[in-house]
mmCIF file of all heavy atoms, coordinates in Angstrom:
data_MODEL
# 
_entry.id   MODEL 
# 
loop_
_atom_site.group_PDB 
_atom_site.id 
_atom_site.type_symbol 
_atom_site.label_atom_id 
_atom_site.label_alt_id 
_atom_site.label_comp_id 
_atom_site.label_asym_id 
_atom_site.label_entity_id 
_atom_site.label_seq_id 
_atom_site.pdbx_PDB_ins_code 
_atom_site.Cartn_x 
_atom_site.Cartn_y 
_atom_site.Cartn_z 
_atom_site.occupancy 
_atom_site.B_iso_or_equiv 
_atom_site.pdbx_formal_charge 
_atom_site.auth_seq_id 
_atom_site.auth_comp_id 
_atom_site.auth_asym_id 
_atom_site.auth_atom_id 
_atom_site.pdbx_PDB_model_num 
ATOM 1   N N   . THR A 1 1  ? 6.563   1.899  -17.355 1.00 0.00 ? 1  THR A N   1 
ATOM 2   C CA  . THR A 1 1  ? 5.179   1.443  -17.353 1.00 0.00 ? 1  THR A CA  1 
ATOM 3   C C   . THR A 1 1  ? 4.742   1.242  -15.910 1.00 0.00 ? 1  THR A C   1 
ATOM 4   O O   . THR A 1 1  ? 5.495   1.554  -14.979 1.00 0.00 ? 1  THR A O   1 
ATOM 5   C CB  . THR A 1 1  ? 5.034   0.143  -18.176 1.00 0.00 ? 1  THR A CB  1 
ATOM 6   O OG1 . THR A 1 1  ? 3.640   -0.131 -18.369 1.00 0.00 ? 1  THR A OG1 1 
ATOM 7   C CG2 . THR A 1 1  ? 5.710   -1.029 -17.493 1.00 0.00 ? 1  THR A CG2 1 
ATOM 8   N N   . ILE A 1 2  ? 3.549   0.748  -15.688 1.00 0.00 ? 2  ILE A N   1 
ATOM 9   C CA  . ILE A 1 2  ? 3.064   0.532  -14.331 1.00 0.00 ? 2  ILE A CA  1 
ATOM 10  C C   . ILE A 1 2  ? 3.647   -0.769 -13.791 1.00 0.00 ? 2  ILE A C   1 
ATOM 11  O O   . ILE A 1 2  ? 3.427   -1.832 -14.374 1.00 0.00 ? 2  ILE A O   1 
ATOM 12  C CB  . ILE A 1 2  ? 1.525   0.489  -14.302 1.00 0.00 ? 2  ILE A CB  1 
ATOM 13  C CG1 . ILE A 1 2  ? 0.976   1.867  -14.680 1.00 0.00 ? 2  ILE A CG1 1 
ATOM 14  C CG2 . ILE A 1 2  ? 1.022   0.086  -12.918 1.00 0.00 ? 2  ILE A CG2 1 
ATOM 15  C CD1 . ILE A 1 2  ? -0.528  1.908  -14.819 1.00 0.00 ? 2  ILE A CD1 1 
ATOM 16  N N   . THR A 1 3  ? 4.394   -0.676 -12.700 1.00 0.00 ? 3  THR A N   1 
ATOM 17  C CA  . THR A 1 3  ? 5.038   -1.855 -12.133 1.00 0.00 ? 3  THR A CA  1 
ATOM 18  C C   . THR A 1 3  ? 4.256   -2.454 -10.968 1.00 0.00 ? 3  THR A C   1 
ATOM 19  O O   . THR A 1 3  ? 4.431   -3.622 -10.656 1.00 0.00 ? 3  THR A O   1 
ATOM 20  C CB  . THR A 1 3  ? 6.465   -1.522 -11.669 1.00 0.00 ? 3  THR A CB  1 
ATOM 21  O OG1 . THR A 1 3  ? 6.414   -0.405 -10.763 1.00 0.00 ? 3  THR A OG1 1 
ATOM 22  C CG2 . THR A 1 3  ? 7.354   -1.167 -12.853 1.00 0.00 ? 3  THR A CG2 1 
ATOM 23  N N   . PHE A 1 4  ? 3.452   -1.655 -10.285 1.00 0.00 ? 4  PHE A N   1 
ATOM 24  C CA  . PHE A 1 4  ? 2.492   -2.227 -9.347  1.00 0.00 ? 4  PHE A CA  1 
ATOM 25  C C   . PHE A 1 4  ? 1.360   -1.244 -9.115  1.00 0.00 ? 4  PHE A C   1 
ATOM 26  O O   . PHE A 1 4  ? 1.475   -0.043 -9.353  1.00 0.00 ? 4  PHE A O   1 
ATOM 27  C CB  . PHE A 1 4  ? 3.127   -2.695 -8.032  1.00 0.00 ? 4  PHE A CB  1 
ATOM 28  C CG  . PHE A 1 4  ? 3.536   -1.600 -7.088  1.00 0.00 ? 4  PHE A CG  1 
ATOM 29  C CD1 . PHE A 1 4  ? 2.599   -0.961 -6.295  1.00 0.00 ? 4  PHE A CD1 1 
ATOM 30  C CD2 . PHE A 1 4  ? 4.875   -1.248 -6.952  1.00 0.00 ? 4  PHE A CD2 1 
ATOM 31  C CE1 . PHE A 1 4  ? 2.971   0.032  -5.409  1.00 0.00 ? 4  PHE A CE1 1 
ATOM 32  C CE2 . PHE A 1 4  ? 5.255   -0.257 -6.062  1.00 0.00 ? 4  PHE A CE2 1 
ATOM 33  C CZ  . PHE A 1 4  ? 4.297   0.389  -5.292  1.00 0.00 ? 4  PHE A CZ  1 
ATOM 34  N N   . ASP A 1 5  ? 0.236   -1.775 -8.676  1.00 0.00 ? 5  ASP A N   1 
ATOM 35  C CA  . ASP A 1 5  ? -0.998  -1.022 -8.503  1.00 0.00 ? 5  ASP A CA  1 
ATOM 36  C C   . ASP A 1 5  ? -1.695  -1.603 -7.270  1.00 0.00 ? 5  ASP A C   1 
ATOM 37  O O   . ASP A 1 5  ? -2.178  -2.729 -7.294  1.00 0.00 ? 5  ASP A O   1 
ATOM 38  C CB  . ASP A 1 5  ? -1.852  -1.186 -9.761  1.00 0.00 ? 5  ASP A CB  1 
ATOM 39  C CG  . ASP A 1 5  ? -3.118  -0.344 -9.734  1.00 0.00 ? 5  ASP A CG  1 
ATOM 40  O OD1 . ASP A 1 5  ? -3.477  0.167  -8.662  1.00 0.00 ? 5  ASP A OD1 1 
ATOM 41  O OD2 . ASP A 1 5  ? -3.752  -0.215 -10.798 1.00 0.00 ? 5  ASP A OD2 1 
ATOM 42  N N   . ILE A 1 6  ? -1.693  -0.835 -6.170  1.00 0.00 ? 6  ILE A N   1 
ATOM 43  C CA  . ILE A 1 6  ? -2.182  -1.343 -4.891  1.00 0.00 ? 6  ILE A CA  1 
ATOM 44  C C   . ILE A 1 6  ? -3.379  -0.533 -4.409  1.00 0.00 ? 6  ILE A C   1 
ATOM 45  O O   . ILE A 1 6  ? -3.265  0.678  -4.206  1.00 0.00 ? 6  ILE A O   1 
ATOM 46  C CB  . ILE A 1 6  ? -1.078  -1.286 -3.817  1.00 0.00 ? 6  ILE A CB  1 
ATOM 47  C CG1 . ILE A 1 6  ? 0.154   -2.071 -4.256  1.00 0.00 ? 6  ILE A CG1 1 
ATOM 48  C CG2 . ILE A 1 6  ? -1.599  -1.813 -2.484  1.00 0.00 ? 6  ILE A CG2 1 
ATOM 49  C CD1 . ILE A 1 6  ? 1.316   -1.918 -3.305  1.00 0.00 ? 6  ILE A CD1 1 
ATOM 50  N N   . PRO A 1 7  ? -4.525  -1.159 -4.189  1.00 0.00 ? 7  PRO A N   1 
ATOM 51  C CA  . PRO A 1 7  ? -5.647  -0.455 -3.566  1.00 0.00 ? 7  PRO A CA  1 
ATOM 52  C C   . PRO A 1 7  ? -5.408  -0.317 -2.067  1.00 0.00 ? 7  PRO A C   1 
ATOM 53  O O   . PRO A 1 7  ? -4.857  -1.217 -1.431  1.00 0.00 ? 7  PRO A O   1 
ATOM 54  C CB  . PRO A 1 7  ? -6.845  -1.350 -3.868  1.00 0.00 ? 7  PRO A CB  1 
ATOM 55  C CG  . PRO A 1 7  ? -6.253  -2.721 -3.995  1.00 0.00 ? 7  PRO A CG  1 
ATOM 56  C CD  . PRO A 1 7  ? -4.869  -2.541 -4.561  1.00 0.00 ? 7  PRO A CD  1 
ATOM 57  N N   . ILE A 1 8  ? -5.838  0.797  -1.486  1.00 0.00 ? 8  ILE A N   1 
ATOM 58  C CA  . ILE A 1 8  ? -5.677  1.057  -0.058  1.00 0.00 ? 8  ILE A CA  1 
ATOM 59  C C   . ILE A 1 8  ? -7.062  1.177  0.566   1.00 0.00 ? 8  ILE A C   1 
ATOM 60  O O   . ILE A 1 8  ? -7.905  1.943  0.090   1.00 0.00 ? 8  ILE A O   1 
ATOM 61  C CB  . ILE A 1 8  ? -4.881  2.353  0.194   1.00 0.00 ? 8  ILE A CB  1 
ATOM 62  C CG1 . ILE A 1 8  ? -3.513  2.289  -0.502  1.00 0.00 ? 8  ILE A CG1 1 
ATOM 63  C CG2 . ILE A 1 8  ? -4.724  2.600  1.686   1.00 0.00 ? 8  ILE A CG2 1 
ATOM 64  C CD1 . ILE A 1 8  ? -2.607  1.208  0.025   1.00 0.00 ? 8  ILE A CD1 1 
ATOM 65  N N   . ASP A 1 9  ? -7.292  0.436  1.620   1.00 0.00 ? 9  ASP A N   1 
ATOM 66  C CA  . ASP A 1 9  ? -8.575  0.466  2.309   1.00 0.00 ? 9  ASP A CA  1 
ATOM 67  C C   . ASP A 1 9  ? -8.583  1.636  3.293   1.00 0.00 ? 9  ASP A C   1 
ATOM 68  O O   . ASP A 1 9  ? -7.948  1.583  4.346   1.00 0.00 ? 9  ASP A O   1 
ATOM 69  C CB  . ASP A 1 9  ? -8.799  -0.856 3.053   1.00 0.00 ? 9  ASP A CB  1 
ATOM 70  C CG  . ASP A 1 9  ? -10.188 -0.923 3.685   1.00 0.00 ? 9  ASP A CG  1 
ATOM 71  O OD1 . ASP A 1 9  ? -10.909 0.087  3.638   1.00 0.00 ? 9  ASP A OD1 1 
ATOM 72  O OD2 . ASP A 1 9  ? -10.530 -1.999 4.219   1.00 0.00 ? 9  ASP A OD2 1 
ATOM 73  N N   . ARG A 1 10 ? -9.305  2.700  2.966   1.00 0.00 ? 10 ARG A N   1 
ATOM 74  C CA  . ARG A 1 10 ? -9.332  3.902  3.797   1.00 0.00 ? 10 ARG A CA  1 
ATOM 75  C C   . ARG A 1 10 ? -10.178 3.719  5.052   1.00 0.00 ? 10 ARG A C   1 
ATOM 76  O O   . ARG A 1 10 ? -10.163 4.576  5.933   1.00 0.00 ? 10 ARG A O   1 
ATOM 77  C CB  . ARG A 1 10 ? -9.891  5.081  2.986   1.00 0.00 ? 10 ARG A CB  1 
ATOM 78  C CG  . ARG A 1 10 ? -8.968  5.595  1.915   1.00 0.00 ? 10 ARG A CG  1 
ATOM 79  C CD  . ARG A 1 10 ? -8.080  6.740  2.390   1.00 0.00 ? 10 ARG A CD  1 
ATOM 80  N NE  . ARG A 1 10 ? -7.066  6.363  3.337   1.00 0.00 ? 10 ARG A NE  1 
ATOM 81  C CZ  . ARG A 1 10 ? -5.842  5.996  3.030   1.00 0.00 ? 10 ARG A CZ  1 
ATOM 82  N NH1 . ARG A 1 10 ? -5.464  5.924  1.788   1.00 0.00 ? 10 ARG A NH1 1 
ATOM 83  N NH2 . ARG A 1 10 ? -4.977  5.677  3.956   1.00 0.00 ? 10 ARG A NH2 1 
ATOM 84  N N   . SER A 1 11 ? -10.931 2.640  5.122   1.00 0.00 ? 11 SER A N   1 
ATOM 85  C CA  . SER A 1 11 ? -11.745 2.423  6.323   1.00 0.00 ? 11 SER A CA  1 
ATOM 86  C C   . SER A 1 11 ? -10.919 1.929  7.492   1.00 0.00 ? 11 SER A C   1 
ATOM 87  O O   . SER A 1 11 ? -11.365 1.931  8.633   1.00 0.00 ? 11 SER A O   1 
ATOM 88  C CB  . SER A 1 11 ? -12.861 1.410  6.030   1.00 0.00 ? 11 SER A CB  1 
ATOM 89  O OG  . SER A 1 11 ? -12.316 0.127  5.743   1.00 0.00 ? 11 SER A OG  1 
ATOM 90  N N   . ARG A 1 12 ? -9.684  1.501  7.211   1.00 0.00 ? 12 ARG A N   1 
ATOM 91  C CA  . ARG A 1 12 ? -8.798  1.024  8.273   1.00 0.00 ? 12 ARG A CA  1 
ATOM 92  C C   . ARG A 1 12 ? -7.852  2.136  8.713   1.00 0.00 ? 12 ARG A C   1 
ATOM 93  O O   . ARG A 1 12 ? -7.672  3.117  7.991   1.00 0.00 ? 12 ARG A O   1 
ATOM 94  C CB  . ARG A 1 12 ? -7.989  -0.179 7.774   1.00 0.00 ? 12 ARG A CB  1 
ATOM 95  C CG  . ARG A 1 12 ? -8.862  -1.384 7.417   1.00 0.00 ? 12 ARG A CG  1 
ATOM 96  C CD  . ARG A 1 12 ? -8.005  -2.546 6.969   1.00 0.00 ? 12 ARG A CD  1 
ATOM 97  N NE  . ARG A 1 12 ? -8.821  -3.721 6.666   1.00 0.00 ? 12 ARG A NE  1 
ATOM 98  C CZ  . ARG A 1 12 ? -8.324  -4.884 6.276   1.00 0.00 ? 12 ARG A CZ  1 
ATOM 99  N NH1 . ARG A 1 12 ? -7.018  -5.033 6.141   1.00 0.00 ? 12 ARG A NH1 1 
ATOM 100 N NH2 . ARG A 1 12 ? -9.131  -5.889 6.011   1.00 0.00 ? 12 ARG A NH2 1 
ATOM 101 N N   . PRO A 1 13 ? -7.202  2.013  9.864   1.00 0.00 ? 13 PRO A N   1 
ATOM 102 C CA  . PRO A 1 13 ? -6.233  3.024  10.299  1.00 0.00 ? 13 PRO A CA  1 
ATOM 103 C C   . PRO A 1 13 ? -5.169  3.245  9.243   1.00 0.00 ? 13 PRO A C   1 
ATOM 104 O O   . PRO A 1 13 ? -4.769  2.308  8.535   1.00 0.00 ? 13 PRO A O   1 
ATOM 105 C CB  . PRO A 1 13 ? -5.637  2.419  11.581  1.00 0.00 ? 13 PRO A CB  1 
ATOM 106 C CG  . PRO A 1 13 ? -6.690  1.488  12.079  1.00 0.00 ? 13 PRO A CG  1 
ATOM 107 C CD  . PRO A 1 13 ? -7.363  0.933  10.853  1.00 0.00 ? 13 PRO A CD  1 
ATOM 108 N N   . ARG A 1 14 ? -4.655  4.485  9.133   1.00 0.00 ? 14 ARG A N   1 
ATOM 109 C CA  . ARG A 1 14 ? -3.744  4.830  8.056   1.00 0.00 ? 14 ARG A CA  1 
ATOM 110 C C   . ARG A 1 14 ? -2.287  4.502  8.375   1.00 0.00 ? 14 ARG A C   1 
ATOM 111 O O   . ARG A 1 14 ? -1.380  5.168  7.912   1.00 0.00 ? 14 ARG A O   1 
ATOM 112 C CB  . ARG A 1 14 ? -3.878  6.315  7.715   1.00 0.00 ? 14 ARG A CB  1 
ATOM 113 C CG  . ARG A 1 14 ? -5.226  6.657  7.111   1.00 0.00 ? 14 ARG A CG  1 
ATOM 114 C CD  . ARG A 1 14 ? -5.171  8.005  6.460   1.00 0.00 ? 14 ARG A CD  1 
ATOM 115 N NE  . ARG A 1 14 ? -6.488  8.414  6.040   1.00 0.00 ? 14 ARG A NE  1 
ATOM 116 C CZ  . ARG A 1 14 ? -7.283  9.219  6.731   1.00 0.00 ? 14 ARG A CZ  1 
ATOM 117 N NH1 . ARG A 1 14 ? -6.879  9.684  7.890   1.00 0.00 ? 14 ARG A NH1 1 
ATOM 118 N NH2 . ARG A 1 14 ? -8.465  9.541  6.279   1.00 0.00 ? 14 ARG A NH2 1 
ATOM 119 N N   . ARG A 1 15 ? -2.045  3.494  9.179   1.00 0.00 ? 15 ARG A N   1 
ATOM 120 C CA  . ARG A 1 15 ? -0.669  3.056  9.384   1.00 0.00 ? 15 ARG A CA  1 
ATOM 121 C C   . ARG A 1 15 ? -0.183  2.364  8.114   1.00 0.00 ? 15 ARG A C   1 
ATOM 122 O O   . ARG A 1 15 ? -0.855  1.511  7.560   1.00 0.00 ? 15 ARG A O   1 
ATOM 123 C CB  . ARG A 1 15 ? -0.588  2.075  10.566  1.00 0.00 ? 15 ARG A CB  1 
ATOM 124 C CG  . ARG A 1 15 ? 0.827   1.643  10.904  1.00 0.00 ? 15 ARG A CG  1 
ATOM 125 C CD  . ARG A 1 15 ? 0.806   0.689  12.099  1.00 0.00 ? 15 ARG A CD  1 
ATOM 126 N NE  . ARG A 1 15 ? 0.037   -0.515 11.802  1.00 0.00 ? 15 ARG A NE  1 
ATOM 127 C CZ  . ARG A 1 15 ? 0.543   -1.562 11.160  1.00 0.00 ? 15 ARG A CZ  1 
ATOM 128 N NH1 . ARG A 1 15 ? 1.787   -1.547 10.714  1.00 0.00 ? 15 ARG A NH1 1 
ATOM 129 N NH2 . ARG A 1 15 ? -0.207  -2.636 10.950  1.00 0.00 ? 15 ARG A NH2 1 
ATOM 130 N N   . VAL A 1 16 ? 1.016   2.747  7.654   1.00 0.00 ? 16 VAL A N   1 
ATOM 131 C CA  . VAL A 1 16 ? 1.535   2.186  6.405   1.00 0.00 ? 16 VAL A CA  1 
ATOM 132 C C   . VAL A 1 16 ? 1.970   0.742  6.627   1.00 0.00 ? 16 VAL A C   1 
ATOM 133 O O   . VAL A 1 16 ? 2.819   0.475  7.475   1.00 0.00 ? 16 VAL A O   1 
ATOM 134 C CB  . VAL A 1 16 ? 2.744   2.999  5.894   1.00 0.00 ? 16 VAL A CB  1 
ATOM 135 C CG1 . VAL A 1 16 ? 3.279   2.392  4.605   1.00 0.00 ? 16 VAL A CG1 1 
ATOM 136 C CG2 . VAL A 1 16 ? 2.350   4.446  5.678   1.00 0.00 ? 16 VAL A CG2 1 
ATOM 137 N N   . PRO A 1 17 ? 1.399   -0.227 5.896   1.00 0.00 ? 17 PRO A N   1 
ATOM 138 C CA  . PRO A 1 17 ? 1.826   -1.613 6.042   1.00 0.00 ? 17 PRO A CA  1 
ATOM 139 C C   . PRO A 1 17 ? 3.293   -1.769 5.644   1.00 0.00 ? 17 PRO A C   1 
ATOM 140 O O   . PRO A 1 17 ? 3.685   -1.351 4.555   1.00 0.00 ? 17 PRO A O   1 
ATOM 141 C CB  . PRO A 1 17 ? 0.905   -2.375 5.069   1.00 0.00 ? 17 PRO A CB  1 
ATOM 142 C CG  . PRO A 1 17 ? -0.235  -1.442 4.807   1.00 0.00 ? 17 PRO A CG  1 
ATOM 143 C CD  . PRO A 1 17 ? 0.319   -0.070 4.936   1.00 0.00 ? 17 PRO A CD  1 
ATOM 144 N N   . THR A 1 18 ? 4.110   -2.342 6.523   1.00 0.00 ? 18 THR A N   1 
ATOM 145 C CA  . THR A 1 18 ? 5.548   -2.449 6.266   1.00 0.00 ? 18 THR A CA  1 
ATOM 146 C C   . THR A 1 18 ? 5.841   -3.211 4.989   1.00 0.00 ? 18 THR A C   1 
ATOM 147 O O   . THR A 1 18 ? 6.711   -2.808 4.195   1.00 0.00 ? 18 THR A O   1 
ATOM 148 C CB  . THR A 1 18 ? 6.246   -3.138 7.460   1.00 0.00 ? 18 THR A CB  1 
ATOM 149 O OG1 . THR A 1 18 ? 5.960   -2.404 8.649   1.00 0.00 ? 18 THR A OG1 1 
ATOM 150 C CG2 . THR A 1 18 ? 7.743   -3.198 7.234   1.00 0.00 ? 18 THR A CG2 1 
ATOM 151 N N   . ALA A 1 19 ? 5.128   -4.297 4.753   1.00 0.00 ? 19 ALA A N   1 
ATOM 152 C CA  . ALA A 1 19 ? 5.386   -5.101 3.558   1.00 0.00 ? 19 ALA A CA  1 
ATOM 153 C C   . ALA A 1 19 ? 5.107   -4.305 2.291   1.00 0.00 ? 19 ALA A C   1 
ATOM 154 O O   . ALA A 1 19 ? 5.881   -4.358 1.325   1.00 0.00 ? 19 ALA A O   1 
ATOM 155 C CB  . ALA A 1 19 ? 4.543   -6.375 3.583   1.00 0.00 ? 19 ALA A CB  1 
ATOM 156 N N   . LEU A 1 20 ? 4.020   -3.529 2.301   1.00 0.00 ? 20 LEU A N   1 
ATOM 157 C CA  . LEU A 1 20 ? 3.698   -2.732 1.129   1.00 0.00 ? 20 LEU A CA  1 
ATOM 158 C C   . LEU A 1 20 ? 4.705   -1.609 0.940   1.00 0.00 ? 20 LEU A C   1 
ATOM 159 O O   . LEU A 1 20 ? 5.084   -1.278 -0.178  1.00 0.00 ? 20 LEU A O   1 
ATOM 160 C CB  . LEU A 1 20 ? 2.289   -2.158 1.260   1.00 0.00 ? 20 LEU A CB  1 
ATOM 161 C CG  . LEU A 1 20 ? 1.133   -3.152 1.173   1.00 0.00 ? 20 LEU A CG  1 
ATOM 162 C CD1 . LEU A 1 20 ? -0.188  -2.406 1.243   1.00 0.00 ? 20 LEU A CD1 1 
ATOM 163 C CD2 . LEU A 1 20 ? 1.210   -3.970 -0.108  1.00 0.00 ? 20 LEU A CD2 1 
ATOM 164 N N   . LEU A 1 21 ? 5.127   -0.988 2.045   1.00 0.00 ? 21 LEU A N   1 
ATOM 165 C CA  . LEU A 1 21 ? 6.105   0.078  1.945   1.00 0.00 ? 21 LEU A CA  1 
ATOM 166 C C   . LEU A 1 21 ? 7.422   -0.449 1.397   1.00 0.00 ? 21 LEU A C   1 
ATOM 167 O O   . LEU A 1 21 ? 8.060   0.182  0.545   1.00 0.00 ? 21 LEU A O   1 
ATOM 168 C CB  . LEU A 1 21 ? 6.314   0.722  3.317   1.00 0.00 ? 21 LEU A CB  1 
ATOM 169 C CG  . LEU A 1 21 ? 7.189   1.977  3.365   1.00 0.00 ? 21 LEU A CG  1 
ATOM 170 C CD1 . LEU A 1 21 ? 6.634   3.047  2.454   1.00 0.00 ? 21 LEU A CD1 1 
ATOM 171 C CD2 . LEU A 1 21 ? 7.294   2.497  4.783   1.00 0.00 ? 21 LEU A CD2 1 
ATOM 172 N N   . ASP A 1 22 ? 7.871   -1.612 1.862   1.00 0.00 ? 22 ASP A N   1 
ATOM 173 C CA  . ASP A 1 22 ? 9.102   -2.206 1.338   1.00 0.00 ? 22 ASP A CA  1 
ATOM 174 C C   . ASP A 1 22 ? 8.974   -2.507 -0.141  1.00 0.00 ? 22 ASP A C   1 
ATOM 175 O O   . ASP A 1 22 ? 9.903   -2.276 -0.931  1.00 0.00 ? 22 ASP A O   1 
ATOM 176 C CB  . ASP A 1 22 ? 9.429   -3.493 2.099   1.00 0.00 ? 22 ASP A CB  1 
ATOM 177 C CG  . ASP A 1 22 ? 9.900   -3.235 3.525   1.00 0.00 ? 22 ASP A CG  1 
ATOM 178 O OD1 . ASP A 1 22 ? 10.260  -2.063 3.806   1.00 0.00 ? 22 ASP A OD1 1 
ATOM 179 O OD2 . ASP A 1 22 ? 9.866   -4.156 4.340   1.00 0.00 ? 22 ASP A OD2 1 
ATOM 180 N N   . ARG A 1 23 ? 7.808   -3.009 -0.537  1.00 0.00 ? 23 ARG A N   1 
ATOM 181 C CA  . ARG A 1 23 ? 7.581   -3.322 -1.945  1.00 0.00 ? 23 ARG A CA  1 
ATOM 182 C C   . ARG A 1 23 ? 7.631   -2.052 -2.787  1.00 0.00 ? 23 ARG A C   1 
ATOM 183 O O   . ARG A 1 23 ? 8.201   -2.014 -3.881  1.00 0.00 ? 23 ARG A O   1 
ATOM 184 C CB  . ARG A 1 23 ? 6.213   -3.994 -2.091  1.00 0.00 ? 23 ARG A CB  1 
ATOM 185 C CG  . ARG A 1 23 ? 5.865   -4.438 -3.508  1.00 0.00 ? 23 ARG A CG  1 
ATOM 186 C CD  . ARG A 1 23 ? 4.498   -5.097 -3.501  1.00 0.00 ? 23 ARG A CD  1 
ATOM 187 N NE  . ARG A 1 23 ? 4.031   -5.366 -4.825  1.00 0.00 ? 23 ARG A NE  1 
ATOM 188 C CZ  . ARG A 1 23 ? 2.791   -5.711 -5.131  1.00 0.00 ? 23 ARG A CZ  1 
ATOM 189 N NH1 . ARG A 1 23 ? 1.900   -5.849 -4.157  1.00 0.00 ? 23 ARG A NH1 1 
ATOM 190 N NH2 . ARG A 1 23 ? 2.433   -5.949 -6.370  1.00 0.00 ? 23 ARG A NH2 1 
ATOM 191 N N   . ALA A 1 24 ? 7.028   -0.962 -2.276  1.00 0.00 ? 24 ALA A N   1 
ATOM 192 C CA  . ALA A 1 24 ? 7.044   0.306  -2.996  1.00 0.00 ? 24 ALA A CA  1 
ATOM 193 C C   . ALA A 1 24 ? 8.463   0.860  -3.110  1.00 0.00 ? 24 ALA A C   1 
ATOM 194 O O   . ALA A 1 24 ? 8.863   1.370  -4.142  1.00 0.00 ? 24 ALA A O   1 
ATOM 195 C CB  . ALA A 1 24 ? 6.134   1.309  -2.293  1.00 0.00 ? 24 ALA A CB  1 
# 
């Protein structure tokens, strides 16, 4: 099933947030 669902703000630089990447 869906274990997480994260919106991404495209108006900001596309550097991957470390905390979100670790969570993924």
